Amino acid sequence: MDTGLYLDQELLELSQDQIDTVFAGYYEENANGNFYEMKKVVLAKIDEKWKEVLSDCFDLYEQGKIYSYHPIPN
Protein backbone atom coordinates (compact mmCIF):
# COMPACT_ATOMS: atom_id res chain seq x y z
CA MET A 1 0.00 0.00 0.00
CA ASP A 2 1.30 3.42 -0.96
CA THR A 3 1.40 5.61 2.16
CA GLY A 4 3.30 8.60 0.90
CA LEU A 5 4.65 10.76 -1.86
CA TYR A 6 8.39 11.16 -2.14
CA LEU A 7 10.58 13.68 -3.87
CA ASP A 8 11.93 12.26 -7.11
CA GLN A 9 14.01 13.94 -9.80
CA GLU A 10 10.90 15.31 -11.54
CA LEU A 11 9.62 16.96 -8.36
CA LEU A 12 13.06 18.32 -7.50
CA GLU A 13 12.98 20.35 -10.71
CA LEU A 14 9.79 22.18 -9.64
CA SER A 15 9.50 25.37 -7.61
CA GLN A 16 8.57 25.12 -3.93
CA ASP A 17 5.02 26.31 -4.68
CA GLN A 18 4.65 23.65 -7.38
CA ILE A 19 5.95 20.93 -5.04
CA ASP A 20 3.52 22.07 -2.33
CA THR A 21 0.65 21.85 -4.83
CA VAL A 22 1.65 18.31 -5.86
CA PHE A 23 1.91 17.15 -2.24
CA ALA A 24 -1.37 18.80 -1.22
CA GLY A 25 -3.13 17.28 -4.22
CA TYR A 26 -1.80 13.82 -3.39
CA TYR A 27 -2.89 13.92 0.25
CA GLU A 28 -6.31 15.40 -0.63
CA GLU A 29 -7.12 12.61 -3.13
CA ASN A 30 -9.95 10.21 -2.33
CA ALA A 31 -11.65 12.59 0.14
CA ASN A 32 -8.33 13.01 1.98
CA GLY A 33 -7.92 9.23 2.10
CA ASN A 34 -4.17 9.44 1.46
CA PHE A 35 -3.82 11.93 4.31
CA TYR A 36 -5.76 9.75 6.76
CA GLU A 37 -3.78 6.64 5.79
CA MET A 38 -0.49 8.51 6.27
CA LYS A 39 -1.72 9.87 9.62
CA LYS A 40 -2.61 6.37 10.80
CA VAL A 41 0.79 4.98 9.80
CA VAL A 42 2.75 7.86 11.35
CA LEU A 43 0.86 7.76 14.66
CA ALA A 44 1.26 3.97 14.87
CA LYS A 45 5.03 4.13 14.40
CA ILE A 46 6.08 7.41 16.03
CA ASP A 47 7.99 7.50 19.31
CA GLU A 48 5.50 7.86 22.16
CA LYS A 49 7.02 11.20 23.28
CA TRP A 50 5.96 12.76 19.94
CA LYS A 51 2.51 11.19 19.63
CA GLU A 52 0.59 13.94 21.47
CA VAL A 53 2.21 16.85 19.63
CA LEU A 54 1.79 15.15 16.25
CA SER A 55 -1.83 14.31 17.03
CA ASP A 56 -2.36 17.98 17.85
CA CYS A 57 -0.66 18.98 14.58
CA PHE A 58 -2.88 16.65 12.57
CA ASP A 59 -5.99 17.95 14.35
CA LEU A 60 -5.06 21.58 13.71
CA TYR A 61 -4.26 20.86 10.08
CA GLU A 62 -7.62 19.14 9.62
CA GLN A 63 -9.33 22.22 11.09
CA GLY A 64 -7.41 24.49 8.71
CA LYS A 65 -5.77 26.29 11.61
CA ILE A 66 -2.16 25.49 10.82
CA TYR A 67 -0.09 24.81 7.74
CA SER A 68 2.89 23.07 9.33
CA TYR A 69 4.50 22.69 12.73
CA HIS A 70 8.00 21.55 13.51
CA PRO A 71 8.56 20.47 17.11
CA ILE A 72 12.00 21.01 18.58
CA PRO A 73 13.22 18.16 20.81
CA ASN A 74 14.37 19.03 24.30
C-alpha atoms as a PDB file:
ATOM      1  CA  MET A   1       0.000   0.000   0.000  1.00  0.00           C
ATOM      2  CA  ASP A   2       1.304   3.422  -0.963  1.00  0.00           C
ATOM      3  CA  THR A   3       1.405   5.613   2.160  1.00  0.00           C
ATOM      4  CA  GLY A   4       3.297   8.602   0.896  1.00  0.00           C
ATOM      5  CA  LEU A   5       4.654  10.759  -1.860  1.00  0.00           C
ATOM      6  CA  TYR A   6       8.385  11.156  -2.142  1.00  0.00           C
ATOM      7  CA  LEU A   7      10.580  13.685  -3.873  1.00  0.00           C
ATOM      8  CA  ASP A   8      11.928  12.257  -7.106  1.00  0.00           C
ATOM      9  CA  GLN A   9      14.009  13.940  -9.801  1.00  0.00           C
ATOM     10  CA  GLU A  10      10.901  15.307 -11.542  1.00  0.00           C
ATOM     11  CA  LEU A  11       9.623  16.955  -8.357  1.00  0.00           C
ATOM     12  CA  LEU A  12      13.060  18.318  -7.495  1.00  0.00           C
ATOM     13  CA  GLU A  13      12.983  20.354 -10.706  1.00  0.00           C
ATOM     14  CA  LEU A  14       9.792  22.182  -9.639  1.00  0.00           C
ATOM     15  CA  SER A  15       9.501  25.369  -7.610  1.00  0.00           C
ATOM     16  CA  GLN A  16       8.565  25.116  -3.926  1.00  0.00           C
ATOM     17  CA  ASP A  17       5.022  26.307  -4.680  1.00  0.00           C
ATOM     18  CA  GLN A  18       4.653  23.648  -7.385  1.00  0.00           C
ATOM     19  CA  ILE A  19       5.948  20.931  -5.037  1.00  0.00           C
ATOM     20  CA  ASP A  20       3.516  22.069  -2.334  1.00  0.00           C
ATOM     21  CA  THR A  21       0.654  21.848  -4.834  1.00  0.00           C
ATOM     22  CA  VAL A  22       1.649  18.305  -5.855  1.00  0.00           C
ATOM     23  CA  PHE A  23       1.905  17.150  -2.235  1.00  0.00           C
ATOM     24  CA  ALA A  24      -1.374  18.800  -1.220  1.00  0.00           C
ATOM     25  CA  GLY A  25      -3.129  17.276  -4.220  1.00  0.00           C
ATOM     26  CA  TYR A  26      -1.801  13.816  -3.389  1.00  0.00           C
ATOM     27  CA  TYR A  27      -2.888  13.922   0.249  1.00  0.00           C
ATOM     28  CA  GLU A  28      -6.308  15.399  -0.632  1.00  0.00           C
ATOM     29  CA  GLU A  29      -7.116  12.606  -3.133  1.00  0.00           C
ATOM     30  CA  ASN A  30      -9.946  10.212  -2.327  1.00  0.00           C
ATOM     31  CA  ALA A  31     -11.648  12.590   0.135  1.00  0.00           C
ATOM     32  CA  ASN A  32      -8.329  13.012   1.979  1.00  0.00           C
ATOM     33  CA  GLY A  33      -7.920   9.226   2.105  1.00  0.00           C
ATOM     34  CA  ASN A  34      -4.173   9.438   1.464  1.00  0.00           C
ATOM     35  CA  PHE A  35      -3.816  11.928   4.312  1.00  0.00           C
ATOM     36  CA  TYR A  36      -5.756   9.751   6.762  1.00  0.00           C
ATOM     37  CA  GLU A  37      -3.781   6.644   5.792  1.00  0.00           C
ATOM     38  CA  MET A  38      -0.485   8.510   6.274  1.00  0.00           C
ATOM     39  CA  LYS A  39      -1.720   9.874   9.618  1.00  0.00           C
ATOM     40  CA  LYS A  40      -2.613   6.370  10.803  1.00  0.00           C
ATOM     41  CA  VAL A  41       0.788   4.977   9.798  1.00  0.00           C
ATOM     42  CA  VAL A  42       2.746   7.855  11.347  1.00  0.00           C
ATOM     43  CA  LEU A  43       0.865   7.759  14.661  1.00  0.00           C
ATOM     44  CA  ALA A  44       1.257   3.968  14.871  1.00  0.00           C
ATOM     45  CA  LYS A  45       5.030   4.127  14.404  1.00  0.00           C
ATOM     46  CA  ILE A  46       6.082   7.408  16.033  1.00  0.00           C
ATOM     47  CA  ASP A  47       7.990   7.499  19.311  1.00  0.00           C
ATOM     48  CA  GLU A  48       5.501   7.860  22.162  1.00  0.00           C
ATOM     49  CA  LYS A  49       7.021  11.195  23.283  1.00  0.00           C
ATOM     50  CA  TRP A  50       5.959  12.764  19.942  1.00  0.00           C
ATOM     51  CA  LYS A  51       2.513  11.192  19.630  1.00  0.00           C
ATOM     52  CA  GLU A  52       0.592  13.935  21.466  1.00  0.00           C
ATOM     53  CA  VAL A  53       2.211  16.847  19.633  1.00  0.00           C
ATOM     54  CA  LEU A  54       1.791  15.146  16.252  1.00  0.00           C
ATOM     55  CA  SER A  55      -1.829  14.313  17.032  1.00  0.00           C
ATOM     56  CA  ASP A  56      -2.362  17.985  17.851  1.00  0.00           C
ATOM     57  CA  CYS A  57      -0.659  18.983  14.576  1.00  0.00           C
ATOM     58  CA  PHE A  58      -2.878  16.650  12.567  1.00  0.00           C
ATOM     59  CA  ASP A  59      -5.993  17.947  14.346  1.00  0.00           C
ATOM     60  CA  LEU A  60      -5.056  21.581  13.715  1.00  0.00           C
ATOM     61  CA  TYR A  61      -4.256  20.857  10.076  1.00  0.00           C
ATOM     62  CA  GLU A  62      -7.625  19.139   9.621  1.00  0.00           C
ATOM     63  CA  GLN A  63      -9.332  22.216  11.089  1.00  0.00           C
ATOM     64  CA  GLY A  64      -7.413  24.492   8.710  1.00  0.00           C
ATOM     65  CA  LYS A  65      -5.768  26.286  11.613  1.00  0.00           C
ATOM     66  CA  ILE A  66      -2.157  25.490  10.818  1.00  0.00           C
ATOM     67  CA  TYR A  67      -0.087  24.814   7.736  1.00  0.00           C
ATOM     68  CA  SER A  68       2.893  23.068   9.332  1.00  0.00           C
ATOM     69  CA  TYR A  69       4.498  22.694  12.730  1.00  0.00           C
ATOM     70  CA  HIS A  70       8.005  21.554  13.512  1.00  0.00           C
ATOM     71  CA  PRO A  71       8.558  20.467  17.112  1.00  0.00           C
ATOM     72  CA  ILE A  72      11.996  21.007  18.582  1.00  0.00           C
ATOM     73  CA  PRO A  73      13.224  18.164  20.805  1.00  0.00           C
ATOM     74  CA  ASN A  74      14.371  19.027  24.301  1.00  0.00           C
END
